[in-house]
Amino acid sequence: MGKTDWKSKAKALKKKLLKREFSAATKAKAKPASPLAPAAFPTLPPIRGVEFAAVEAGVRYQNRKDVMLVRLAPGTTIAGAFTRSTTRSACVRDCQSKLGIKTGATGAAIIVNSGNSNAFTGKLGDQAVAAVTGAVAEALSIPPSRVFSSSTGVIGEALPFEKITARIPDLVAELGEEAIKMAAHAMMTTDTFPKGAAATVQGDGGMIHIAGIAKGSGMIAPDMATMLVYLFTDAKIGAGPLQKILSRNVDSTFNSITVDSDTSTSDTLLLAATGQSDAAAVKGPVLRAFETALHGVMRDLALQVVRDGEGATKLVEVRVTGATTDEDAAKAAFAIANSPLVKTAIAGEDPNWGRIVAAIGKSGAAAERDLLSIRFGEVLVANNGWRNPDYKEEDGASYMQQQELLIHVDLGLGKAQRSVWTCDLTARYVEINADYRS
């Protein structure tokens, strides 16, 4: 073997060792998953007519996948829900404008990047969306009106869209039905784990499958929470009914979670139905079963987002019953769930029920002191306008040590109720957000 061959082999070996060392160092620096995270990413069924791919484009992050592409089969129907922020991103506005367009039986696509939200970037933001969606449309031979894009990350910085468009050929080459977990990873920002959920429904003539992925950790508040969510099904269902089902189930799922009361500029939920199941078009009892299953997937993903709340150590359901109206039930529930005083008390495992009383009082919901009651799980803390005479502080303190908590307030005025989910507020939340751009 010549000297040149030895040099080449040594160089290749050195490169391999350096790569291995870098990989080990990257793993060592990886942030630990939330203590509330599921044990593992679930096994999601392939959805006929849906393919995924993810690549490393270096939009903001280095040495990790940060752009994902979804290709949807011809004939796919799409529904959506979005943030109501008046400063919503260029991607959101573009998606909203495309949902109502009738384009026949063409295919469709979704492209998502993390690291930069392309929000509050003026006309440059619109141009970036056009460039990215146009490049995907050309690569997949579909109309630009059938390409939906999302961006998540830092606000107010121009999106380096050339880094994304340069990798589109690689994304297209790597498309496959099994890459959904990789796609979930690619859209993470401060998330500590990828989020997925699935369900199946027995249809007329075959099974109907549903699978979904989400990202979200901070800036989580209703309208429409603060996240990116993509749901896929092989059900045969028209765009109109699909949109109605989605809209009916948003309030009790993604609009019932809050981490920090901050609504983002980029919230996007897209639901795509390819119609490629062997089952007949959904209707009657199957339609109802499909909606129930879809609601379950949406709720699962919503709660995973709260479980991954920045710095979270507790998952908390705030359940308000006995309100005079649905609006009042929501006001009281969110006032408690968003209270920094309540959330920090939970973080400190302090059963400070006085903070709950204060939150109810400021909520604007109708309430009567002598009618409301407060429970921590099954522990009756207060009723009849004062502390329950049988309540022991050690019972409340013991309950607060659990990872999953229920705060139940009954206003004693009516029949309306609302549950919302939140997490505690810890010092880690401050650390994450103080260093977010550094």
Protein backbone atom coordinates (compact mmCIF):
# COMPACT_ATOMS: atom_id res chain seq x y z
CA MET A 1 0.00 0.00 0.00
CA GLY A 2 1.39 3.39 -1.02
CA LYS A 3 2.06 6.35 1.24
CA THR A 4 -0.89 8.23 -0.28
CA ASP A 5 -3.26 5.37 0.60
CA TRP A 6 -2.11 5.33 4.23
CA LYS A 7 -2.60 9.09 4.45
CA SER A 8 -6.08 8.82 3.00
CA LYS A 9 -6.99 6.05 5.44
CA ALA A 10 -5.60 7.99 8.40
CA LYS A 11 -7.47 11.10 7.34
CA ALA A 12 -10.74 9.17 7.00
CA LEU A 13 -10.23 7.51 10.40
CA LYS A 14 -9.51 10.87 12.04
CA LYS A 15 -12.65 12.32 10.48
CA LYS A 16 -14.68 9.37 11.75
CA LEU A 17 -13.30 9.73 15.28
CA LEU A 18 -13.94 13.48 15.32
CA LYS A 19 -17.50 12.89 14.16
CA ARG A 20 -18.00 10.32 16.92
CA GLU A 21 -16.55 12.68 19.55
CA PHE A 22 -18.77 15.52 18.33
CA SER A 23 -21.83 13.28 18.45
CA ALA A 24 -21.00 12.27 22.02
CA ALA A 25 -20.47 15.90 23.04
CA THR A 26 -23.78 16.91 21.46
CA LYS A 27 -25.61 14.17 23.35
CA ALA A 28 -23.92 15.25 26.58
CA LYS A 29 -25.17 18.81 26.08
CA ALA A 30 -28.72 17.72 25.23
CA LYS A 31 -31.27 19.22 27.59
CA PRO A 32 -33.00 16.71 29.83
CA ALA A 33 -36.60 15.88 29.02
CA SER A 34 -39.33 17.32 31.18
CA PRO A 35 -40.05 15.19 34.28
CA LEU A 36 -43.63 15.08 33.00
CA ALA A 37 -42.66 13.68 29.58
CA PRO A 38 -44.17 10.40 28.35
CA ALA A 39 -41.87 7.39 28.68
CA ALA A 40 -41.35 7.25 24.91
CA PHE A 41 -42.55 8.64 21.61
CA PRO A 42 -45.61 6.59 20.65
CA THR A 43 -45.75 4.24 17.71
CA LEU A 44 -47.74 6.16 15.11
CA PRO A 45 -49.43 4.28 12.26
CA PRO A 46 -48.40 5.20 8.72
CA ILE A 47 -51.14 7.23 7.05
CA ARG A 48 -51.67 6.35 3.41
CA GLY A 49 -50.95 9.33 1.23
CA VAL A 50 -48.68 11.10 3.75
CA GLU A 51 -44.87 11.17 3.54
CA PHE A 52 -42.35 12.97 5.75
CA ALA A 53 -38.75 14.15 5.59
CA ALA A 54 -36.49 16.32 7.74
CA VAL A 55 -33.07 17.87 7.15
CA GLU A 56 -30.50 20.09 8.78
CA ALA A 57 -30.58 23.54 7.15
CA GLY A 58 -28.94 25.71 9.82
CA VAL A 59 -31.76 28.24 9.96
CA ARG A 60 -30.68 29.05 13.53
CA TYR A 61 -29.67 25.79 15.16
CA GLN A 62 -26.56 23.84 14.26
CA ASN A 63 -26.06 20.08 14.12
CA ARG A 64 -29.76 19.23 14.32
CA LYS A 65 -32.63 18.82 11.89
CA ASP A 66 -34.62 22.05 11.67
CA VAL A 67 -36.77 21.83 8.52
CA MET A 68 -39.43 19.23 7.80
CA LEU A 69 -41.56 18.56 4.74
CA VAL A 70 -44.84 16.67 4.41
CA ARG A 71 -46.13 15.51 1.02
CA LEU A 72 -49.88 14.85 0.81
CA ALA A 73 -51.50 12.73 -1.90
CA PRO A 74 -53.76 14.16 -4.60
CA GLY A 75 -57.31 14.67 -3.37
CA THR A 76 -56.30 15.47 0.22
CA THR A 77 -58.70 17.82 2.03
CA ILE A 78 -57.28 20.29 4.56
CA ALA A 79 -58.76 22.17 7.53
CA GLY A 80 -57.08 24.56 9.92
CA ALA A 81 -57.16 26.80 12.98
CA PHE A 82 -54.79 29.66 13.73
CA THR A 83 -53.74 32.30 16.21
CA ARG A 84 -55.92 35.39 16.44
CA SER A 85 -52.91 37.56 17.18
CA THR A 86 -53.01 40.87 15.31
CA THR A 87 -49.25 40.52 14.80
CA ARG A 88 -49.47 36.99 13.38
CA SER A 89 -46.69 35.80 11.12
CA ALA A 90 -46.50 35.87 7.34
CA CYS A 91 -46.84 32.07 7.29
CA VAL A 92 -50.08 32.18 9.26
CA ARG A 93 -51.63 34.79 6.99
CA ASP A 94 -50.58 32.81 3.93
CA CYS A 95 -52.07 29.56 5.29
CA GLN A 96 -55.33 31.30 6.16
CA SER A 97 -55.63 32.72 2.66
CA LYS A 98 -55.10 29.30 1.08
CA LEU A 99 -57.60 27.24 3.04
CA GLY A 100 -60.61 28.49 1.11
CA ILE A 101 -59.09 28.06 -2.34
CA LYS A 102 -60.59 25.27 -4.49
CA THR A 103 -57.79 23.55 -6.38
CA GLY A 104 -59.32 20.28 -7.51
CA ALA A 105 -57.68 16.95 -6.80
CA THR A 106 -54.06 18.10 -6.73
CA GLY A 107 -51.55 17.04 -4.12
CA ALA A 108 -50.49 19.30 -1.25
CA ALA A 109 -47.53 19.89 1.06
CA ILE A 110 -46.57 21.35 4.42
CA ILE A 111 -43.11 22.75 5.10
CA VAL A 112 -42.00 23.84 8.57
CA ASN A 113 -38.82 25.38 9.95
CA SER A 114 -37.73 25.96 13.53
CA GLY A 115 -35.41 28.65 14.91
CA ASN A 116 -37.01 31.66 13.22
CA SER A 117 -40.72 32.53 13.28
CA ASN A 118 -40.67 34.90 10.27
CA ALA A 119 -43.00 37.15 12.29
CA PHE A 120 -42.95 40.95 12.29
CA THR A 121 -40.60 40.91 9.32
CA GLY A 122 -42.66 43.12 6.98
CA LYS A 123 -42.68 42.50 3.25
CA LEU A 124 -39.48 40.48 3.59
CA GLY A 125 -41.52 37.93 5.51
CA ASP A 126 -44.10 37.69 2.74
CA GLN A 127 -41.35 37.30 0.16
CA ALA A 128 -39.72 34.54 2.22
CA VAL A 129 -43.00 32.61 2.39
CA ALA A 130 -43.49 32.97 -1.36
CA ALA A 131 -39.95 31.78 -2.04
CA VAL A 132 -40.20 28.71 0.19
CA THR A 133 -43.70 27.64 -0.87
CA GLY A 134 -42.89 28.33 -4.50
CA ALA A 135 -39.78 26.17 -4.37
CA VAL A 136 -41.70 23.30 -2.76
CA ALA A 137 -44.49 23.63 -5.32
CA GLU A 138 -41.98 23.43 -8.18
CA ALA A 139 -40.16 20.45 -6.68
CA LEU A 140 -43.38 18.50 -6.13
CA SER A 141 -45.19 19.70 -9.26
CA ILE A 142 -48.17 21.09 -7.33
CA PRO A 143 -49.75 24.58 -7.28
CA PRO A 144 -48.21 27.06 -4.79
CA SER A 145 -51.72 27.49 -3.38
CA ARG A 146 -51.47 23.92 -2.08
CA VAL A 147 -48.25 24.47 -0.14
CA PHE A 148 -48.70 25.46 3.50
CA SER A 149 -45.77 26.74 5.53
CA SER A 150 -45.05 27.38 9.19
CA SER A 151 -42.12 28.97 10.98
CA THR A 152 -41.40 28.93 14.70
CA GLY A 153 -38.69 30.57 16.77
CA VAL A 154 -37.34 34.07 17.28
CA ILE A 155 -39.61 36.99 16.32
CA GLY A 156 -38.45 40.01 14.33
CA GLU A 157 -35.50 38.52 12.44
CA ALA A 158 -35.55 38.02 8.67
CA LEU A 159 -35.93 34.37 7.72
CA PRO A 160 -32.83 33.10 5.85
CA PHE A 161 -35.09 31.32 3.39
CA GLU A 162 -32.22 30.50 1.01
CA LYS A 163 -31.00 27.96 3.56
CA ILE A 164 -34.39 26.25 3.36
CA THR A 165 -34.84 26.35 -0.41
CA ALA A 166 -31.32 24.97 -0.87
CA ARG A 167 -32.32 21.80 1.00
CA ILE A 168 -35.68 21.19 -0.70
CA PRO A 169 -34.20 18.69 -3.23
CA ASP A 170 -32.79 16.70 -0.28
CA LEU A 171 -36.14 16.82 1.51
CA VAL A 172 -37.98 15.53 -1.54
CA ALA A 173 -35.43 12.74 -2.02
CA GLU A 174 -35.85 11.56 1.58
CA LEU A 175 -39.67 11.52 1.76
CA GLY A 176 -41.08 8.41 3.38
CA GLU A 177 -44.12 7.23 5.38
CA GLU A 178 -42.06 6.27 8.45
CA ALA A 179 -40.30 9.60 9.12
CA ILE A 180 -43.01 11.24 11.23
CA LYS A 181 -40.94 11.15 14.45
CA MET A 182 -38.06 12.85 12.67
CA ALA A 183 -40.48 15.54 11.46
CA ALA A 184 -41.66 16.09 15.05
CA HIS A 185 -38.06 16.57 16.16
CA ALA A 186 -37.31 19.07 13.40
CA MET A 187 -39.91 21.60 14.53
CA MET A 188 -38.87 21.67 18.20
CA THR A 189 -37.56 24.91 19.73
CA THR A 190 -37.40 24.94 23.55
CA ASP A 191 -39.29 21.64 23.60
CA THR A 192 -37.57 18.85 25.52
CA PHE A 193 -39.33 15.98 23.74
CA PRO A 194 -41.16 15.39 20.43
CA LYS A 195 -44.93 15.04 20.73
CA GLY A 196 -47.08 12.50 18.95
CA ALA A 197 -50.45 10.78 19.33
CA ALA A 198 -52.63 8.42 17.30
CA ALA A 199 -55.97 6.65 17.15
CA THR A 200 -57.85 4.17 14.94
CA VAL A 201 -61.54 3.94 14.13
CA GLN A 202 -63.44 1.04 12.61
CA GLY A 203 -65.02 2.37 9.44
CA ASP A 204 -67.42 0.81 6.96
CA GLY A 205 -65.14 -1.53 5.01
CA GLY A 206 -61.85 -0.87 6.77
CA MET A 207 -59.91 0.90 9.49
CA ILE A 208 -59.47 4.66 9.63
CA HIS A 209 -56.19 5.93 11.05
CA ILE A 210 -55.34 9.25 12.72
CA ALA A 211 -51.84 10.44 13.65
CA GLY A 212 -50.62 13.81 14.86
CA ILE A 213 -47.48 15.65 15.92
CA ALA A 214 -47.05 18.93 17.78
CA LYS A 215 -44.49 21.35 19.11
CA GLY A 216 -44.93 23.74 21.98
CA SER A 217 -43.30 24.49 25.31
CA GLY A 218 -43.42 28.21 26.08
CA MET A 219 -45.64 31.11 25.00
CA ILE A 220 -48.64 28.84 25.49
CA ALA A 221 -52.04 30.49 25.89
CA PRO A 222 -55.44 30.19 24.18
CA ASP A 223 -56.30 31.56 20.72
CA MET A 224 -55.10 28.88 19.60
CA ALA A 225 -52.63 28.06 22.34
CA THR A 226 -49.10 28.62 21.07
CA MET A 227 -47.86 25.79 19.04
CA LEU A 228 -47.64 24.04 15.71
CA VAL A 229 -49.86 20.98 15.29
CA TYR A 230 -50.26 18.74 12.26
CA LEU A 231 -52.90 16.01 12.17
CA PHE A 232 -53.24 13.40 9.45
CA THR A 233 -55.92 10.85 8.63
CA ASP A 234 -56.73 8.53 5.75
CA ALA A 235 -60.48 9.12 6.24
CA LYS A 236 -62.67 10.01 3.28
CA ILE A 237 -64.24 13.33 4.28
CA GLY A 238 -64.89 16.63 2.54
CA ALA A 239 -63.16 19.90 3.44
CA GLY A 240 -66.36 21.44 4.83
CA PRO A 241 -67.22 18.68 7.33
CA LEU A 242 -63.54 18.33 8.23
CA GLN A 243 -63.32 22.02 9.13
CA LYS A 244 -66.51 21.87 11.20
CA ILE A 245 -65.23 18.90 13.20
CA LEU A 246 -61.88 20.56 13.81
CA SER A 247 -63.43 23.86 14.87
CA ARG A 248 -65.83 22.10 17.28
CA ASN A 249 -62.96 20.43 19.11
CA VAL A 250 -60.39 23.22 19.38
CA ASP A 251 -61.89 24.96 22.43
CA SER A 252 -61.86 21.89 24.68
CA THR A 253 -58.32 20.90 23.67
CA PHE A 254 -55.79 23.42 22.35
CA ASN A 255 -57.79 26.40 23.62
CA SER A 256 -57.91 24.91 27.11
CA ILE A 257 -54.21 24.94 27.90
CA THR A 258 -51.93 27.66 29.20
CA VAL A 259 -48.32 27.71 30.34
CA ASP A 260 -47.62 31.40 30.74
CA SER A 261 -50.62 33.34 29.34
CA ASP A 262 -48.57 34.59 26.37
CA THR A 263 -50.08 34.07 22.92
CA SER A 264 -47.64 33.68 20.04
CA THR A 265 -47.67 35.02 16.51
CA SER A 266 -47.33 31.64 14.84
CA ASP A 267 -50.00 29.26 16.16
CA THR A 268 -51.04 26.87 13.41
CA LEU A 269 -53.13 23.70 13.42
CA LEU A 270 -53.60 21.86 10.14
CA LEU A 271 -55.67 18.70 9.67
CA ALA A 272 -55.23 16.76 6.42
CA ALA A 273 -57.47 13.89 5.24
CA THR A 274 -56.06 11.89 2.33
CA GLY A 275 -59.16 9.75 1.72
CA GLN A 276 -57.01 6.66 1.11
CA SER A 277 -58.47 4.37 3.77
CA ASP A 278 -60.27 1.26 2.53
CA ALA A 279 -63.27 2.43 4.56
CA ALA A 280 -66.18 4.24 2.95
CA ALA A 281 -66.73 7.96 3.38
CA VAL A 282 -67.34 8.74 7.06
CA LYS A 283 -70.96 9.40 7.98
CA GLY A 284 -73.50 8.58 10.68
CA PRO A 285 -72.11 6.57 13.62
CA VAL A 286 -68.67 6.30 11.98
CA LEU A 287 -68.49 10.10 11.67
CA ARG A 288 -69.30 10.44 15.37
CA ALA A 289 -66.69 7.82 16.28
CA PHE A 290 -64.15 9.58 14.06
CA GLU A 291 -64.79 12.90 15.79
CA THR A 292 -64.43 11.30 19.22
CA ALA A 293 -61.13 9.71 18.22
CA LEU A 294 -59.85 12.96 16.70
CA HIS A 295 -60.76 14.81 19.89
CA GLY A 296 -58.76 12.25 21.85
CA VAL A 297 -55.67 12.80 19.70
CA MET A 298 -56.02 16.58 19.98
CA ARG A 299 -56.43 16.42 23.76
CA ASP A 300 -53.44 14.08 24.10
CA LEU A 301 -51.21 16.45 22.12
CA ALA A 302 -52.49 19.49 24.01
CA LEU A 303 -51.64 17.93 27.36
CA GLN A 304 -48.21 16.89 26.09
CA VAL A 305 -47.54 20.55 25.33
CA VAL A 306 -48.38 21.46 28.94
CA ARG A 307 -46.26 18.57 30.20
CA ASP A 308 -43.39 20.18 28.31
CA GLY A 309 -44.09 23.67 29.64
CA GLU A 310 -40.79 25.47 30.08
CA GLY A 311 -39.41 24.45 33.46
CA ALA A 312 -42.57 22.53 34.39
CA THR A 313 -42.56 19.97 37.20
CA LYS A 314 -46.34 19.74 37.77
CA LEU A 315 -49.29 19.16 35.44
CA VAL A 316 -52.37 20.91 36.83
CA GLU A 317 -56.02 20.65 35.85
CA VAL A 318 -58.07 23.64 36.99
CA ARG A 319 -61.71 22.57 36.99
CA VAL A 320 -64.41 25.19 37.57
CA THR A 321 -68.00 24.02 38.04
CA GLY A 322 -71.18 25.72 39.18
CA ALA A 323 -70.69 28.85 37.07
CA THR A 324 -73.63 30.86 35.72
CA THR A 325 -72.30 30.84 32.13
CA ASP A 326 -69.64 29.07 30.06
CA GLU A 327 -67.86 32.41 29.75
CA ASP A 328 -67.70 32.83 33.53
CA ALA A 329 -66.44 29.28 33.99
CA ALA A 330 -63.62 30.02 31.52
CA LYS A 331 -62.82 33.37 33.15
CA ALA A 332 -62.42 31.82 36.58
CA ALA A 333 -60.48 28.80 35.35
CA PHE A 334 -57.97 30.82 33.33
CA ALA A 335 -57.57 33.41 36.10
CA ILE A 336 -56.42 30.60 38.41
CA ALA A 337 -54.35 28.79 35.78
CA ASN A 338 -52.53 31.96 34.70
CA SER A 339 -51.90 33.42 38.16
CA PRO A 340 -48.13 33.65 38.81
CA LEU A 341 -48.90 33.48 42.53
CA VAL A 342 -50.88 30.26 42.17
CA LYS A 343 -48.30 28.75 39.82
CA THR A 344 -45.31 29.56 42.02
CA ALA A 345 -47.13 28.18 45.07
CA ILE A 346 -47.65 24.94 43.14
CA ALA A 347 -43.95 24.89 42.24
CA GLY A 348 -43.12 25.22 45.93
CA GLU A 349 -45.70 22.55 46.86
CA ASP A 350 -47.42 25.13 49.04
CA PRO A 351 -51.21 24.59 49.37
CA ASN A 352 -51.81 28.35 49.45
CA TRP A 353 -55.53 28.32 48.71
CA GLY A 354 -55.83 32.04 49.47
CA ARG A 355 -54.17 32.71 46.12
CA ILE A 356 -56.95 30.77 44.41
CA VAL A 357 -59.55 32.88 46.20
CA ALA A 358 -57.76 36.03 45.00
CA ALA A 359 -57.63 34.76 41.40
CA ILE A 360 -61.37 34.04 41.39
CA GLY A 361 -62.07 37.49 42.77
CA LYS A 362 -60.14 39.26 40.03
CA SER A 363 -61.43 37.06 37.18
CA GLY A 364 -64.57 39.04 36.41
CA ALA A 365 -66.70 35.91 36.79
CA ALA A 366 -69.79 36.07 39.00
CA ALA A 367 -68.94 34.60 42.42
CA GLU A 368 -70.44 34.59 45.91
CA ARG A 369 -68.13 34.18 48.88
CA ASP A 370 -70.45 31.93 50.88
CA LEU A 371 -71.33 29.62 47.98
CA LEU A 372 -67.99 28.66 46.48
CA SER A 373 -65.86 25.70 47.51
CA ILE A 374 -62.23 24.77 46.80
CA ARG A 375 -60.73 21.30 46.66
CA PHE A 376 -57.23 19.95 46.07
CA GLY A 377 -58.13 16.60 44.53
CA GLU A 378 -60.52 15.04 47.04
CA VAL A 379 -59.37 17.30 49.87
CA LEU A 380 -62.05 19.89 50.71
CA VAL A 381 -60.08 23.02 51.57
CA ALA A 382 -62.69 25.77 51.83
CA ASN A 383 -66.48 26.20 51.68
CA ASN A 384 -69.27 28.30 53.15
CA GLY A 385 -67.17 31.42 52.84
CA TRP A 386 -64.21 30.21 54.88
CA ARG A 387 -61.70 27.44 55.45
CA ASN A 388 -63.23 24.00 55.97
CA PRO A 389 -63.06 23.32 59.74
CA ASP A 390 -61.90 19.74 59.05
CA TYR A 391 -59.12 20.78 56.64
CA LYS A 392 -55.59 20.04 57.79
CA GLU A 393 -52.68 21.93 56.25
CA GLU A 394 -50.59 18.75 56.17
CA ASP A 395 -53.24 17.10 53.96
CA GLY A 396 -52.99 19.92 51.45
CA ALA A 397 -49.19 19.91 51.58
CA SER A 398 -49.08 16.16 51.06
CA TYR A 399 -51.38 16.38 48.03
CA MET A 400 -49.26 19.14 46.45
CA GLN A 401 -46.27 16.79 46.29
CA GLN A 402 -47.88 14.84 43.45
CA GLN A 403 -46.79 15.47 39.84
CA GLU A 404 -50.37 15.68 38.55
CA LEU A 405 -52.81 17.87 40.45
CA LEU A 406 -56.47 18.87 40.35
CA ILE A 407 -57.68 22.23 41.64
CA HIS A 408 -61.48 22.07 41.72
CA VAL A 409 -63.51 25.21 42.34
CA ASP A 410 -67.29 25.06 42.50
CA LEU A 411 -68.89 28.51 42.32
CA GLY A 412 -72.28 27.22 43.47
CA LEU A 413 -74.24 29.48 41.14
CA GLY A 414 -75.21 27.47 38.07
CA LYS A 415 -74.42 24.48 35.85
CA ALA A 416 -71.69 25.78 33.52
CA GLN A 417 -68.20 24.31 33.80
CA ARG A 418 -64.76 24.43 32.20
CA SER A 419 -61.49 22.58 32.65
CA VAL A 420 -58.16 24.05 31.64
CA TRP A 421 -54.69 22.63 32.05
CA THR A 422 -51.56 24.45 33.15
CA CYS A 423 -48.22 23.81 34.85
CA ASP A 424 -46.23 25.31 37.67
CA LEU A 425 -43.90 28.32 37.30
CA THR A 426 -40.32 27.56 38.29
CA ALA A 427 -36.95 29.29 38.22
CA ARG A 428 -36.12 27.18 35.16
CA TYR A 429 -38.79 29.05 33.18
CA VAL A 430 -36.96 32.31 33.86
CA GLU A 431 -33.60 30.79 32.87
CA ILE A 432 -34.93 29.43 29.57
CA ASN A 433 -36.56 32.68 28.52
CA ALA A 434 -33.77 34.94 29.75
CA ASP A 435 -31.33 33.04 27.53
CA TYR A 436 -33.67 32.34 24.60
CA ARG A 437 -31.82 34.42 21.99
CA SER A 438 -28.28 33.91 23.32
